[in-house]
Amino acid sequence: MLQNKIQDVFNEPGCSKNQSKSDKERKKGCTKALQPGGAAGGCAFDGAKIALQPITDVAHLVHGPIACEGNSWDNRGSKSSGSQLYRTGFTTDINELDVVYGGEKHLFKSIKEVIDKYDPPAVFVYQTCVPAMIGDDIEAVCKAASQKFAKPIIPVNAPGFVGAKNLGNKLAGEALLDYVIGTEEPEYSTPYDINIIGEYNLSGELWQVKPLLDHLGIRVTCCISGDAKYHDVAQSHRARANMMVCSKSMINIARKMEERYQIPFFEGSFYGISDTTESLREITRLLIQQGAPAELHDRTEALIAQEEARAWQRIAEYTHRLRGKRVLLFTGGVKSWSVVSALQEGGMEVVGTSVKKSTKEDKEKIKEIMGQDAHMIDDLTPREMYKMFQEARADVLLSGGRSQFAALKNKMPWVDINQERHHAYNGYEGMVNLVKQIDLALYNPMWPLLRKPAPWDMREAQT
């Protein structure tokens, strides 16, 4: 059953990269199956967990050794406006006896304990490598527990060895489609209802965009999965339009919701002024197409003019200091092109952007923004990155925490752009924040001091 689901994900019609392959190549999948413990950069379980953990009011129960939950707990800085239950780690912590005799009874008791103590609206149960290899049937256990406790118990069957993190993202989406989306009806719906898919509310980024939509009377029925509530996800099939933020992770949700519930979708971004403006216009266009009043267009244009003028005014104080600064962008997915646009709006030059986790569409958008000669980096080793800074081909590095040391060892500024960051960069307000953080990093007074020779080196040079 799991293999059939994986093959279904690999045949995803919404992914042009898959559809451009031959039947033989497509059957091989997007990634090679990984051996347990060999999933560099995140396994399928990790991908499923980080995709669904931002659903804030459910209990996320990991069926496996304690290290699986320990390594995945709170590894994404998603914020919640309500329940904090999602930040509590639950695990069955299986041991040698469970491996010998099976862990299904242990899992059932763990589900009961979670429900008795916390009474969440639902429990998500994640399969990991060890119970998958000994044959624990989490679907059967979840079905029995759901009947026993009269509560949704959702199996997320994505053991780490089946593939890399991106496959886990999609298997998490399949779990929502199979067991959650469409299982409840909302009390009411409006012509202005939308879902935002593939947005995880990192550092509260969703909250920088939501006021813009609220101003227009557009209601975010559900964000999958940032700051989401279980019942919102279950009722999300009544939205009028979907916005896909990260197609790399959850294109299957958007495509199947269009197929099952006739909800049109588009891929957009809220990074940068022009991308935020374009996304607002596209949301408006789809809603009007789906039956919203045409006057929404005029209200959207008025809001865009007001917000753009305010954002440019606030950015102006930084642009003369940042103009011409060379930036190396080492991230992936939607940020590989959306952040490029934002940096260029701030007057900076992007000398290279990584595309290791980017789709074919992402690469095409990079070429549109940076030109056909855009320097796209498929993989850059720390040694090569270090050399790039030594040769002064970049003034600042924007990346995740794992790549920061190449810049810092070269005494060069670094700005966190990945999921662990503490600043929100979405929308017009986010663009101002991004420019401000880059300015603070570049002009921090410690850099001139740090680059000066040490006193003992100066004495040796004099002698």
Protein backbone atom coordinates (compact mmCIF):
# COMPACT_ATOMS: atom_id res chain seq x y z
CA MET A 1 0.00 0.00 0.00
CA LEU A 2 2.85 2.40 0.86
CA GLN A 3 4.65 1.55 -2.40
CA ASN A 4 1.47 2.30 -4.36
CA LYS A 5 1.20 5.66 -2.61
CA ILE A 6 4.83 6.49 -3.36
CA GLN A 7 4.36 5.57 -7.01
CA ASP A 8 1.25 7.75 -7.14
CA VAL A 9 3.28 10.69 -5.79
CA PHE A 10 6.03 10.07 -8.36
CA ASN A 11 3.41 10.16 -11.15
CA GLU A 12 2.10 13.55 -9.96
CA PRO A 13 0.65 15.32 -13.06
CA GLY A 14 1.16 18.72 -11.45
CA CYS A 15 4.93 18.19 -11.49
CA SER A 16 6.26 18.98 -14.97
CA LYS A 17 9.64 17.46 -14.08
CA ASN A 18 8.00 14.06 -13.54
CA GLN A 19 5.88 14.33 -16.67
CA SER A 20 8.91 15.12 -18.84
CA LYS A 21 10.47 11.75 -17.95
CA SER A 22 9.95 8.47 -19.76
CA ASP A 23 7.74 5.84 -18.11
CA LYS A 24 10.85 3.87 -17.14
CA GLU A 25 12.56 6.87 -15.58
CA ARG A 26 9.38 7.95 -13.78
CA LYS A 27 9.07 4.56 -12.10
CA LYS A 28 12.48 5.09 -10.50
CA GLY A 29 11.05 8.04 -8.62
CA CYS A 30 12.41 11.46 -7.80
CA THR A 31 15.06 10.15 -5.42
CA LYS A 32 16.72 6.86 -4.66
CA ALA A 33 15.41 5.04 -1.62
CA LEU A 34 17.73 5.75 1.29
CA GLN A 35 19.18 3.28 3.73
CA PRO A 36 18.21 3.81 7.38
CA GLY A 37 20.53 6.40 8.87
CA GLY A 38 21.77 7.53 5.46
CA ALA A 39 19.27 10.32 4.75
CA ALA A 40 21.59 13.30 4.52
CA GLY A 41 19.61 16.53 4.64
CA GLY A 42 16.50 14.90 6.10
CA CYS A 43 14.61 11.65 5.57
CA ALA A 44 10.99 11.07 4.48
CA PHE A 45 9.80 10.94 8.09
CA ASP A 46 11.49 14.27 8.80
CA GLY A 47 9.83 15.78 5.73
CA ALA A 48 6.39 14.54 6.80
CA LYS A 49 6.84 15.77 10.35
CA ILE A 50 7.94 19.30 9.46
CA ALA A 51 5.13 19.58 6.89
CA LEU A 52 2.38 18.72 9.40
CA GLN A 53 3.77 19.81 12.77
CA PRO A 54 2.64 23.44 12.27
CA ILE A 55 -0.97 22.18 12.66
CA THR A 56 -1.09 23.56 16.15
CA ASP A 57 -3.91 21.91 18.08
CA VAL A 58 -3.32 18.22 17.27
CA ALA A 59 -1.03 15.78 19.08
CA HIS A 60 1.86 14.63 16.88
CA LEU A 61 2.79 11.11 18.05
CA VAL A 62 5.96 9.54 16.61
CA HIS A 63 5.94 5.73 16.58
CA GLY A 64 9.59 4.80 16.82
CA PRO A 65 12.77 5.12 18.89
CA ILE A 66 13.03 8.28 20.95
CA ALA A 67 15.80 9.73 18.76
CA CYS A 68 13.38 10.12 15.83
CA GLU A 69 11.20 12.49 17.87
CA GLY A 70 14.20 14.10 19.54
CA ASN A 71 15.82 15.00 16.22
CA SER A 72 12.61 16.28 14.61
CA TRP A 73 11.05 18.15 17.54
CA ASP A 74 10.51 21.88 16.98
CA ASN A 75 13.05 22.00 14.15
CA ARG A 76 11.01 24.59 12.27
CA GLY A 77 10.25 27.98 13.79
CA SER A 78 6.52 27.91 13.06
CA LYS A 79 4.43 30.21 15.25
CA SER A 80 0.93 29.69 16.63
CA SER A 81 -1.78 32.22 17.45
CA GLY A 82 -3.53 29.72 19.72
CA SER A 83 -2.74 26.22 20.94
CA GLN A 84 0.84 25.30 21.80
CA LEU A 85 0.18 21.53 21.82
CA TYR A 86 2.14 21.10 18.57
CA ARG A 87 5.33 21.98 20.44
CA THR A 88 4.92 19.07 22.86
CA GLY A 89 6.84 16.00 21.70
CA PHE A 90 5.05 12.64 21.87
CA THR A 91 6.76 9.34 21.09
CA THR A 92 6.13 5.63 21.74
CA ASP A 93 9.88 5.23 22.43
CA ILE A 94 9.90 1.61 21.31
CA ASN A 95 12.57 -0.71 22.70
CA GLU A 96 14.10 -4.13 21.98
CA LEU A 97 11.06 -6.02 23.28
CA ASP A 98 8.80 -4.08 20.91
CA VAL A 99 11.09 -5.03 18.03
CA VAL A 100 10.80 -8.72 18.98
CA TYR A 101 7.08 -8.85 19.81
CA GLY A 102 5.78 -5.93 17.71
CA GLY A 103 4.89 -2.40 18.77
CA GLU A 104 1.21 -2.18 17.78
CA LYS A 105 -0.19 -2.64 21.32
CA HIS A 106 2.35 -0.14 22.60
CA LEU A 107 1.16 2.35 19.98
CA PHE A 108 -2.52 1.83 20.87
CA LYS A 109 -1.79 2.46 24.57
CA SER A 110 0.20 5.58 23.69
CA ILE A 111 -2.71 6.98 21.66
CA LYS A 112 -5.05 6.35 24.61
CA GLU A 113 -2.64 8.09 27.00
CA VAL A 114 -2.36 11.16 24.78
CA ILE A 115 -6.16 11.43 24.43
CA ASP A 116 -6.74 10.94 28.17
CA LYS A 117 -4.22 13.64 29.15
CA TYR A 118 -4.66 16.25 26.41
CA ASP A 119 -7.95 15.50 24.57
CA PRO A 120 -6.80 16.99 21.22
CA PRO A 121 -9.24 17.22 18.29
CA ALA A 122 -7.07 14.64 16.47
CA VAL A 123 -3.87 12.61 16.84
CA PHE A 124 -1.37 12.33 13.98
CA VAL A 125 0.68 9.10 14.16
CA TYR A 126 4.00 9.04 12.27
CA GLN A 127 5.61 5.82 11.06
CA THR A 128 9.42 5.56 11.31
CA CYS A 129 12.04 3.10 10.04
CA VAL A 130 12.16 0.53 12.85
CA PRO A 131 8.41 -0.19 13.25
CA ALA A 132 8.04 -0.17 9.46
CA MET A 133 10.74 -2.83 9.11
CA ILE A 134 9.23 -5.09 11.79
CA GLY A 135 5.82 -4.80 10.13
CA ASP A 136 3.76 -2.64 12.51
CA ASP A 137 0.53 -1.72 10.70
CA ILE A 138 -0.15 1.84 11.87
CA GLU A 139 -3.15 2.21 9.54
CA ALA A 140 -4.92 -0.69 11.28
CA VAL A 141 -4.01 0.59 14.75
CA CYS A 142 -5.19 4.12 13.91
CA LYS A 143 -8.47 2.80 12.50
CA ALA A 144 -9.11 0.71 15.63
CA ALA A 145 -8.18 3.60 17.95
CA SER A 146 -10.38 6.02 16.01
CA GLN A 147 -13.37 3.73 16.45
CA LYS A 148 -12.58 3.09 20.11
CA PHE A 149 -12.06 6.73 21.13
CA ALA A 150 -14.43 8.39 18.63
CA LYS A 151 -11.70 10.76 17.52
CA PRO A 152 -9.74 11.14 14.25
CA ILE A 153 -6.44 9.23 14.49
CA ILE A 154 -4.48 10.03 11.32
CA PRO A 155 -1.74 7.64 10.11
CA VAL A 156 1.19 9.36 8.39
CA ASN A 157 3.03 6.50 6.71
CA ALA A 158 6.41 7.95 5.74
CA PRO A 159 9.26 5.86 7.22
CA GLY A 160 12.62 7.49 6.68
CA PHE A 161 14.14 4.84 4.42
CA VAL A 162 11.60 5.29 1.58
CA GLY A 163 13.25 8.51 0.39
CA ALA A 164 14.38 12.03 1.12
CA LYS A 165 12.63 14.89 2.90
CA ASN A 166 10.77 16.14 -0.16
CA LEU A 167 9.06 12.77 -0.63
CA GLY A 168 8.00 12.94 3.01
CA ASN A 169 6.42 16.36 2.39
CA LYS A 170 4.26 14.86 -0.34
CA LEU A 171 3.35 11.74 1.68
CA ALA A 172 2.20 14.09 4.46
CA GLY A 173 0.03 15.85 1.90
CA GLU A 174 -1.42 12.49 0.86
CA ALA A 175 -2.32 11.75 4.50
CA LEU A 176 -4.28 15.03 4.68
CA LEU A 177 -6.05 14.26 1.42
CA ASP A 178 -6.94 10.71 2.47
CA TYR A 179 -8.00 11.29 6.08
CA VAL A 180 -8.61 15.00 6.83
CA ILE A 181 -9.54 17.36 3.97
CA GLY A 182 -13.25 17.17 3.19
CA THR A 183 -14.25 15.28 6.35
CA GLU A 184 -16.12 18.24 7.93
CA GLU A 185 -18.38 20.99 6.64
CA PRO A 186 -17.91 24.66 7.67
CA GLU A 187 -20.71 26.57 9.38
CA TYR A 188 -20.66 29.05 6.52
CA SER A 189 -18.60 30.03 3.48
CA THR A 190 -18.11 33.27 1.56
CA PRO A 191 -17.07 34.21 -2.00
CA TYR A 192 -13.81 35.52 -0.50
CA ASP A 193 -12.48 32.23 1.00
CA ILE A 194 -8.98 31.04 0.09
CA ASN A 195 -6.45 28.45 1.25
CA ILE A 196 -2.72 29.08 1.33
CA ILE A 197 -0.80 25.82 0.75
CA GLY A 198 2.87 25.24 1.51
CA GLU A 199 3.17 28.19 3.92
CA TYR A 200 4.46 27.28 7.40
CA ASN A 201 4.24 30.61 9.26
CA LEU A 202 7.96 30.66 9.98
CA SER A 203 8.70 33.40 12.50
CA GLY A 204 5.09 34.52 12.03
CA GLU A 205 5.39 35.32 8.30
CA LEU A 206 1.73 34.49 7.65
CA TRP A 207 0.74 37.26 10.05
CA GLN A 208 2.52 39.83 7.85
CA VAL A 209 0.28 38.90 4.91
CA LYS A 210 -3.01 38.18 6.66
CA PRO A 211 -3.71 41.86 7.54
CA LEU A 212 -3.51 42.70 3.83
CA LEU A 213 -6.07 40.01 3.01
CA ASP A 214 -8.24 41.03 5.98
CA HIS A 215 -8.24 44.61 4.70
CA LEU A 216 -9.67 43.33 1.41
CA GLY A 217 -12.23 41.13 3.16
CA ILE A 218 -10.50 37.97 1.92
CA ARG A 219 -10.78 35.15 4.45
CA VAL A 220 -7.97 32.61 4.82
CA THR A 221 -10.06 29.50 5.42
CA CYS A 222 -6.94 27.46 6.11
CA CYS A 223 -3.18 27.74 5.80
CA ILE A 224 -1.67 24.32 5.19
CA SER A 225 -0.04 24.03 7.49
CA GLY A 226 1.23 27.19 9.23
CA ASP A 227 -0.84 28.20 12.30
CA ALA A 228 -3.50 25.71 11.15
CA LYS A 229 -6.22 24.13 13.28
CA TYR A 230 -7.43 20.60 12.62
CA HIS A 231 -11.03 21.60 11.91
CA ASP A 232 -9.87 24.32 9.49
CA VAL A 233 -7.91 21.74 7.48
CA ALA A 234 -10.90 19.36 7.49
CA GLN A 235 -13.16 22.14 6.13
CA SER A 236 -10.67 23.60 3.64
CA HIS A 237 -12.38 21.96 0.65
CA ARG A 238 -15.00 24.74 0.63
CA ALA A 239 -12.53 27.51 -0.27
CA ARG A 240 -12.96 29.29 -3.61
CA ALA A 241 -9.25 29.45 -4.56
CA ASN A 242 -5.89 28.04 -3.49
CA MET A 243 -2.51 29.76 -3.46
CA MET A 244 0.46 27.40 -3.68
CA VAL A 245 3.56 28.86 -2.00
CA CYS A 246 5.96 25.90 -2.21
CA SER A 247 5.14 23.53 -5.08
CA LYS A 248 8.21 21.45 -4.25
CA SER A 249 6.52 20.19 -1.11
CA MET A 250 2.73 20.14 -1.59
CA ILE A 251 1.79 20.40 -5.26
CA ASN A 252 -0.20 17.18 -4.86
CA ILE A 253 -2.61 18.83 -2.39
CA ALA A 254 -3.36 21.78 -4.68
CA ARG A 255 -3.71 19.62 -7.78
CA LYS A 256 -5.99 17.02 -6.15
CA MET A 257 -8.15 19.69 -4.50
CA GLU A 258 -8.67 21.18 -7.94
CA GLU A 259 -9.54 17.73 -9.29
CA ARG A 260 -11.88 16.73 -6.45
CA TYR A 261 -13.44 20.04 -5.42
CA GLN A 262 -12.91 22.28 -8.50
CA ILE A 263 -10.76 24.77 -6.55
CA PRO A 264 -8.36 26.56 -8.96
CA PHE A 265 -4.84 27.30 -7.76
CA PHE A 266 -1.76 29.28 -8.72
CA GLU A 267 1.81 29.36 -7.47
CA GLY A 268 2.94 32.64 -5.96
CA SER A 269 5.23 34.21 -3.43
CA PHE A 270 5.04 36.88 -0.76
CA TYR A 271 8.80 37.57 -0.77
CA GLY A 272 9.53 41.03 -2.13
CA ILE A 273 7.35 43.95 -3.16
CA SER A 274 6.64 42.95 -6.77
CA ASP A 275 5.90 39.29 -5.90
CA THR A 276 3.55 40.29 -3.08
CA THR A 277 1.73 42.65 -5.44
CA GLU A 278 1.48 39.98 -8.14
CA SER A 279 0.14 37.41 -5.67
CA LEU A 280 -2.55 39.79 -4.37
CA ARG A 281 -3.66 40.47 -7.94
CA GLU A 282 -3.77 36.77 -8.79
CA ILE A 283 -5.80 35.93 -5.66
CA THR A 284 -8.23 38.69 -6.61
CA ARG A 285 -8.47 37.46 -10.21
CA LEU A 286 -9.23 33.87 -9.15
CA LEU A 287 -11.84 34.94 -6.59
CA ILE A 288 -13.63 37.15 -9.13
CA GLN A 289 -13.47 34.25 -11.61
CA GLN A 290 -15.10 32.07 -8.92
CA GLY A 291 -17.94 34.50 -8.26
CA ALA A 292 -16.66 37.29 -5.98
CA PRO A 293 -17.87 40.85 -6.79
CA ALA A 294 -15.79 42.63 -9.46
CA GLU A 295 -15.26 45.67 -7.19
CA LEU A 296 -12.66 43.56 -5.32
CA HIS A 297 -10.24 44.41 -8.13
CA ASP A 298 -10.42 48.17 -7.49
CA ARG A 299 -10.01 47.72 -3.74
CA THR A 300 -6.97 45.48 -4.32
CA GLU A 301 -5.30 48.03 -6.61
CA ALA A 302 -5.90 50.81 -4.08
CA LEU A 303 -4.33 48.73 -1.29
CA ILE A 304 -1.35 47.81 -3.49
CA ALA A 305 -0.66 51.46 -4.36
CA GLN A 306 -0.81 52.45 -0.69
CA GLU A 307 1.39 49.61 0.61
CA GLU A 308 3.96 49.84 -2.18
CA ALA A 309 4.45 53.56 -1.63
CA ARG A 310 4.92 53.06 2.11
CA ALA A 311 7.36 50.15 1.63
CA TRP A 312 9.52 51.99 -0.92
CA GLN A 313 9.67 55.02 1.35
CA ARG A 314 10.94 52.92 4.26
CA ILE A 315 13.43 51.00 2.09
CA ALA A 316 14.90 54.21 0.63
CA GLU A 317 16.99 54.85 3.76
CA TYR A 318 18.86 51.58 3.16
CA THR A 319 19.18 51.36 -0.62
CA HIS A 320 22.07 53.86 -0.96
CA ARG A 321 24.06 51.76 1.54
CA LEU A 322 23.19 48.43 -0.09
CA ARG A 323 23.29 49.36 -3.78
CA GLY A 324 25.82 47.19 -5.60
CA LYS A 325 26.47 44.84 -2.68
CA ARG A 326 27.03 41.29 -3.91
CA VAL A 327 24.91 38.59 -2.32
CA LEU A 328 25.33 34.80 -2.47
CA LEU A 329 21.94 33.16 -1.91
CA PHE A 330 22.29 29.57 -0.74
CA THR A 331 18.82 28.22 -0.12
CA GLY A 332 16.34 26.29 -2.28
CA GLY A 333 12.79 25.79 -3.46
CA VAL A 334 10.60 28.84 -3.86
CA LYS A 335 13.16 31.08 -2.08
CA SER A 336 15.73 30.41 -4.82
CA TRP A 337 13.84 32.84 -7.09
CA SER A 338 11.45 34.79 -4.85
CA VAL A 339 14.23 36.14 -2.60
CA VAL A 340 16.30 37.06 -5.67
CA SER A 341 13.55 39.42 -6.75
CA ALA A 342 13.41 40.94 -3.26
CA LEU A 343 17.20 41.49 -3.13
CA GLN A 344 17.25 43.17 -6.52
CA GLU A 345 14.49 45.51 -5.38
CA GLY A 346 16.79 46.48 -2.51
CA GLY A 347 19.52 47.48 -5.01
CA MET A 348 21.73 44.42 -4.45
CA GLU A 349 23.39 42.13 -6.98
CA VAL A 350 22.85 38.39 -6.63
CA VAL A 351 26.08 36.67 -7.72
CA GLY A 352 24.65 33.16 -7.38
CA THR A 353 21.61 31.25 -6.13
CA SER A 354 21.41 27.58 -5.24
CA VAL A 355 18.91 25.34 -7.02
CA LYS A 356 19.56 22.04 -5.24
CA LYS A 357 15.96 21.82 -3.99
CA SER A 358 14.35 23.78 -6.82
CA THR A 359 11.93 22.54 -9.47
CA LYS A 360 12.21 23.11 -13.21
CA GLU A 361 9.66 25.94 -12.86
CA ASP A 362 11.79 27.53 -10.11
CA LYS A 363 14.82 27.50 -12.43
CA GLU A 364 12.83 29.08 -15.25
CA LYS A 365 11.70 31.87 -12.93
CA ILE A 366 15.32 32.47 -11.87
CA LYS A 367 16.25 32.94 -15.54
CA GLU A 368 13.35 35.37 -15.99
CA ILE A 369 14.55 37.47 -13.06
CA MET A 370 18.36 37.20 -13.42
CA GLY A 371 18.64 36.60 -17.17
CA GLN A 372 19.65 33.54 -19.19
CA ASP A 373 23.23 33.73 -17.84
CA ALA A 374 22.07 33.44 -14.22
CA HIS A 375 24.61 31.69 -12.00
CA MET A 376 22.59 28.76 -10.63
CA ILE A 377 24.47 26.55 -8.18
CA ASP A 378 23.34 22.93 -8.06
CA ASP A 379 25.66 22.10 -5.19
CA LEU A 380 28.42 24.12 -3.57
CA THR A 381 30.79 22.50 -1.10
CA PRO A 382 31.91 24.46 1.98
CA ARG A 383 35.43 24.59 0.49
CA GLU A 384 34.17 26.17 -2.75
CA MET A 385 32.01 28.61 -0.80
CA TYR A 386 34.99 29.54 1.37
CA LYS A 387 37.11 30.15 -1.75
CA MET A 388 34.37 32.32 -3.24
CA PHE A 389 34.45 34.61 -0.21
CA GLN A 390 38.27 34.70 -0.18
CA GLU A 391 38.22 35.97 -3.74
CA ALA A 392 35.69 38.64 -2.63
CA ARG A 393 33.08 37.59 -5.16
CA ALA A 394 30.37 38.12 -2.54
CA ASP A 395 29.89 40.60 0.30
CA VAL A 396 27.27 38.70 2.30
CA LEU A 397 25.85 35.17 2.48
CA LEU A 398 22.12 34.46 2.84
CA SER A 399 21.60 30.83 3.78
CA GLY A 400 20.57 28.37 6.47
CA GLY A 401 22.50 27.71 9.66
CA ARG A 402 24.51 24.81 8.25
CA SER A 403 26.21 27.03 5.65
CA GLN A 404 27.01 30.01 7.86
CA PHE A 405 30.53 28.97 8.85
CA ALA A 406 32.03 29.37 5.37
CA ALA A 407 31.20 33.08 5.59
CA LEU A 408 32.04 33.57 9.25
CA LYS A 409 35.46 31.89 8.89
CA ASN A 410 36.18 34.40 6.13
CA LYS A 411 35.04 37.24 8.41
CA MET A 412 32.12 37.95 6.13
CA PRO A 413 28.52 38.79 7.19
CA TRP A 414 25.83 36.11 7.16
CA VAL A 415 22.04 36.44 7.32
CA ASP A 416 19.76 33.50 8.16
CA ILE A 417 17.12 33.02 5.45
CA ASN A 418 16.00 29.47 6.21
CA GLN A 419 13.43 27.93 8.51
CA GLU A 420 15.36 28.48 11.75
CA ARG A 421 15.38 32.26 11.37
CA HIS A 422 13.95 34.66 13.95
CA HIS A 423 12.78 37.40 11.57
CA ALA A 424 9.78 37.31 9.23
CA TYR A 425 10.33 38.40 5.61
CA ASN A 426 6.88 38.01 4.00
CA GLY A 427 4.89 40.78 2.39
CA TYR A 428 5.66 44.49 2.18
CA GLU A 429 6.60 44.66 5.86
CA GLY A 430 8.81 41.60 5.47
CA MET A 431 10.73 43.21 2.62
CA VAL A 432 11.59 46.14 4.88
CA ASN A 433 12.71 43.66 7.57
CA LEU A 434 14.94 41.77 5.12
CA VAL A 435 16.68 44.90 3.87
CA LYS A 436 17.15 46.09 7.44
CA GLN A 437 18.71 42.79 8.58
CA ILE A 438 21.13 42.73 5.62
CA ASP A 439 22.13 46.33 6.36
CA LEU A 440 22.70 45.49 10.03
CA ALA A 441 24.82 42.47 9.09
CA LEU A 442 26.94 44.32 6.52
CA TYR A 443 27.58 47.41 8.61
CA ASN A 444 28.03 45.77 12.00
CA PRO A 445 31.01 47.61 13.57
CA MET A 446 32.66 44.34 14.56
CA TRP A 447 33.71 43.47 10.98
CA PRO A 448 36.46 46.16 10.60
CA LEU A 449 37.83 45.18 14.03
CA LEU A 450 37.70 41.49 13.23
CA ARG A 451 39.52 41.93 9.92
CA LYS A 452 42.40 43.92 11.42
CA PRO A 453 45.59 41.90 12.02
CA ALA A 454 46.06 40.73 15.60
CA PRO A 455 48.55 42.83 17.64
CA TRP A 456 51.07 39.96 17.80
CA ASP A 457 50.90 39.54 14.01
CA MET A 458 51.60 43.26 13.58
CA ARG A 459 54.65 43.03 15.89
CA GLU A 460 56.02 40.08 13.92
CA ALA A 461 55.56 41.98 10.67
CA GLN A 462 57.47 44.98 12.07
CA THR A 463 60.41 42.82 13.14
